[in-house]
Amino acid sequence: MKTSKYVEDLKTKTATELNELLVAAKKELFNLRFQNATNQLDNTGRIKEVRKNIARIQTIITEKANAAE
């Protein structure tokens, strides 16, 4: 599956890289919401996908933080 590959890639990244990905994903989500509000967004399913990716990134960050303790 595509998502399991994405999660495995996330697990190999450092905390700094994960934080950068998180910021980029949140910016993308903001832009998608803005486009949706102005009726410029064609693929509304992308919003759901980005939200799930943000959750995946945050989960990996939390796992790494708990493992470090």
N, C-alpha and C. Protein backbone atom coordinates (compact mmCIF):
# COMPACT_ATOMS: atom_id res chain seq x y z
N MET A 1 0.83 -1.20 0.00
CA MET A 1 0.00 0.00 0.00
C MET A 1 0.86 1.25 0.00
N LYS A 2 0.29 2.31 -0.46
CA LYS A 2 1.00 3.57 -0.54
C LYS A 2 1.21 4.18 0.85
N THR A 3 0.21 4.06 1.73
CA THR A 3 0.31 4.70 3.04
C THR A 3 1.36 4.03 3.91
N SER A 4 1.49 2.71 3.84
CA SER A 4 2.48 2.04 4.67
C SER A 4 3.90 2.44 4.24
N LYS A 5 4.11 2.64 2.95
CA LYS A 5 5.40 3.11 2.45
C LYS A 5 5.67 4.52 2.96
N TYR A 6 4.64 5.37 2.95
CA TYR A 6 4.77 6.75 3.43
C TYR A 6 5.13 6.76 4.92
N VAL A 7 4.49 5.90 5.70
CA VAL A 7 4.76 5.84 7.14
C VAL A 7 6.18 5.34 7.38
N GLU A 8 6.62 4.36 6.61
CA GLU A 8 7.99 3.85 6.77
C GLU A 8 9.00 4.94 6.44
N ASP A 9 8.72 5.75 5.42
CA ASP A 9 9.60 6.87 5.10
C ASP A 9 9.63 7.89 6.23
N LEU A 10 8.49 8.12 6.85
CA LEU A 10 8.43 9.07 7.97
C LEU A 10 9.26 8.58 9.16
N LYS A 11 9.22 7.28 9.40
CA LYS A 11 9.94 6.72 10.55
C LYS A 11 11.45 6.83 10.41
N THR A 12 11.94 6.96 9.18
CA THR A 12 13.38 7.07 8.98
C THR A 12 13.88 8.50 9.10
N LYS A 13 12.98 9.47 9.14
CA LYS A 13 13.37 10.87 9.20
C LYS A 13 13.67 11.31 10.63
N THR A 14 14.46 12.38 10.74
CA THR A 14 14.78 12.93 12.06
C THR A 14 13.64 13.82 12.52
N ALA A 15 13.72 14.23 13.79
CA ALA A 15 12.67 15.09 14.36
C ALA A 15 12.60 16.43 13.64
N THR A 16 13.75 16.98 13.26
CA THR A 16 13.77 18.25 12.54
C THR A 16 13.09 18.13 11.19
N GLU A 17 13.39 17.05 10.47
CA GLU A 17 12.77 16.83 9.17
C GLU A 17 11.27 16.64 9.29
N LEU A 18 10.85 15.94 10.35
CA LEU A 18 9.43 15.72 10.58
C LEU A 18 8.72 17.04 10.86
N ASN A 19 9.35 17.90 11.65
CA ASN A 19 8.75 19.20 11.94
C ASN A 19 8.63 20.05 10.68
N GLU A 20 9.62 19.98 9.80
CA GLU A 20 9.56 20.71 8.53
C GLU A 20 8.42 20.18 7.66
N LEU A 21 8.27 18.85 7.63
CA LEU A 21 7.17 18.25 6.87
C LEU A 21 5.81 18.66 7.44
N LEU A 22 5.73 18.74 8.77
CA LEU A 22 4.49 19.12 9.42
C LEU A 22 4.10 20.54 9.06
N VAL A 23 5.07 21.44 9.09
CA VAL A 23 4.80 22.84 8.73
C VAL A 23 4.35 22.93 7.27
N ALA A 24 5.02 22.21 6.39
CA ALA A 24 4.66 22.24 4.97
C ALA A 24 3.25 21.68 4.75
N ALA A 25 2.91 20.61 5.46
CA ALA A 25 1.59 20.01 5.30
C ALA A 25 0.50 20.95 5.82
N LYS A 26 0.78 21.64 6.91
CA LYS A 26 -0.21 22.58 7.44
C LYS A 26 -0.41 23.76 6.50
N LYS A 27 0.66 24.21 5.86
CA LYS A 27 0.53 25.29 4.87
C LYS A 27 -0.30 24.82 3.69
N GLU A 28 -0.04 23.58 3.25
CA GLU A 28 -0.80 23.03 2.13
C GLU A 28 -2.28 22.92 2.49
N LEU A 29 -2.57 22.48 3.71
CA LEU A 29 -3.96 22.36 4.15
C LEU A 29 -4.64 23.73 4.16
N PHE A 30 -3.93 24.74 4.64
CA PHE A 30 -4.48 26.10 4.64
C PHE A 30 -4.81 26.54 3.22
N ASN A 31 -3.88 26.32 2.30
CA ASN A 31 -4.10 26.71 0.91
C ASN A 31 -5.27 25.95 0.29
N LEU A 32 -5.38 24.66 0.60
CA LEU A 32 -6.49 23.87 0.07
C LEU A 32 -7.83 24.38 0.62
N ARG A 33 -7.87 24.70 1.89
CA ARG A 33 -9.11 25.23 2.48
C ARG A 33 -9.47 26.57 1.86
N PHE A 34 -8.47 27.39 1.61
CA PHE A 34 -8.71 28.70 0.99
C PHE A 34 -9.26 28.51 -0.42
N GLN A 35 -8.67 27.60 -1.18
CA GLN A 35 -9.15 27.32 -2.53
C GLN A 35 -10.57 26.77 -2.51
N ASN A 36 -10.85 25.93 -1.51
CA ASN A 36 -12.19 25.35 -1.41
C ASN A 36 -13.22 26.43 -1.10
N ALA A 37 -12.86 27.37 -0.25
CA ALA A 37 -13.79 28.44 0.12
C ALA A 37 -14.09 29.35 -1.06
N THR A 38 -13.13 29.50 -1.96
CA THR A 38 -13.33 30.37 -3.12
C THR A 38 -13.75 29.58 -4.37
N ASN A 39 -14.14 28.32 -4.17
CA ASN A 39 -14.60 27.44 -5.25
C ASN A 39 -13.57 27.26 -6.37
N GLN A 40 -12.30 27.23 -6.01
CA GLN A 40 -11.25 26.99 -6.99
C GLN A 40 -10.67 25.58 -6.89
N LEU A 41 -11.09 24.83 -5.89
CA LEU A 41 -10.52 23.50 -5.64
C LEU A 41 -11.29 22.45 -6.44
N ASP A 42 -10.56 21.70 -7.27
CA ASP A 42 -11.18 20.65 -8.06
C ASP A 42 -11.27 19.33 -7.30
N ASN A 43 -10.20 18.96 -6.61
CA ASN A 43 -10.13 17.68 -5.91
C ASN A 43 -10.29 17.91 -4.42
N THR A 44 -11.52 17.84 -3.92
CA THR A 44 -11.76 18.10 -2.50
C THR A 44 -11.27 16.94 -1.62
N GLY A 45 -11.05 15.79 -2.19
CA GLY A 45 -10.53 14.66 -1.44
C GLY A 45 -9.11 14.88 -0.94
N ARG A 46 -8.42 15.81 -1.57
CA ARG A 46 -7.04 16.12 -1.17
C ARG A 46 -7.00 16.69 0.25
N ILE A 47 -8.04 17.42 0.65
CA ILE A 47 -8.09 17.98 2.00
C ILE A 47 -8.04 16.86 3.03
N LYS A 48 -8.85 15.84 2.82
CA LYS A 48 -8.89 14.70 3.74
C LYS A 48 -7.54 13.98 3.79
N GLU A 49 -6.94 13.83 2.63
CA GLU A 49 -5.65 13.15 2.54
C GLU A 49 -4.56 13.92 3.30
N VAL A 50 -4.53 15.24 3.15
CA VAL A 50 -3.53 16.06 3.83
C VAL A 50 -3.76 16.04 5.34
N ARG A 51 -5.03 16.06 5.76
CA ARG A 51 -5.32 16.00 7.19
C ARG A 51 -4.82 14.70 7.80
N LYS A 52 -5.01 13.60 7.09
CA LYS A 52 -4.52 12.31 7.58
C LYS A 52 -3.00 12.26 7.61
N ASN A 53 -2.36 12.87 6.61
CA ASN A 53 -0.90 12.92 6.61
C ASN A 53 -0.37 13.72 7.79
N ILE A 54 -1.05 14.82 8.12
CA ILE A 54 -0.66 15.62 9.29
C ILE A 54 -0.77 14.76 10.55
N ALA A 55 -1.84 14.01 10.68
CA ALA A 55 -2.01 13.13 11.83
C ALA A 55 -0.92 12.07 11.88
N ARG A 56 -0.56 11.52 10.72
CA ARG A 56 0.50 10.51 10.68
C ARG A 56 1.84 11.10 11.14
N ILE A 57 2.14 12.30 10.66
CA ILE A 57 3.40 12.96 11.03
C ILE A 57 3.42 13.23 12.53
N GLN A 58 2.32 13.74 13.07
CA GLN A 58 2.26 14.02 14.50
C GLN A 58 2.39 12.76 15.33
N THR A 59 1.83 11.66 14.84
CA THR A 59 1.94 10.38 15.55
C THR A 59 3.39 9.92 15.61
N ILE A 60 4.10 10.02 14.50
CA ILE A 60 5.51 9.61 14.47
C ILE A 60 6.34 10.50 15.39
N ILE A 61 6.07 11.80 15.39
CA ILE A 61 6.79 12.72 16.28
C ILE A 61 6.57 12.33 17.73
N THR A 62 5.33 12.01 18.09
CA THR A 62 5.01 11.60 19.46
C THR A 62 5.70 10.29 19.81
N GLU A 63 5.70 9.33 18.89
CA GLU A 63 6.37 8.05 19.13
C GLU A 63 7.86 8.25 19.38
N LYS A 64 8.49 9.10 18.58
CA LYS A 64 9.93 9.35 18.77
C LYS A 64 10.21 10.06 20.09
N ALA A 65 9.32 10.97 20.47
CA ALA A 65 9.50 11.69 21.75
C ALA A 65 9.35 10.74 22.92
N ASN A 66 8.39 9.83 22.85
CA ASN A 66 8.20 8.86 23.94
C ASN A 66 9.32 7.85 24.00
N ALA A 67 9.88 7.49 22.85
CA ALA A 67 10.99 6.54 22.82
C ALA A 67 12.27 7.17 23.39
N ALA A 68 12.39 8.47 23.26
CA ALA A 68 13.59 9.15 23.75
C ALA A 68 13.59 9.28 25.27
N GLU A 69 12.41 9.19 25.87
CA GLU A 69 12.33 9.35 27.34
C GLU A 69 12.76 8.12 28.09
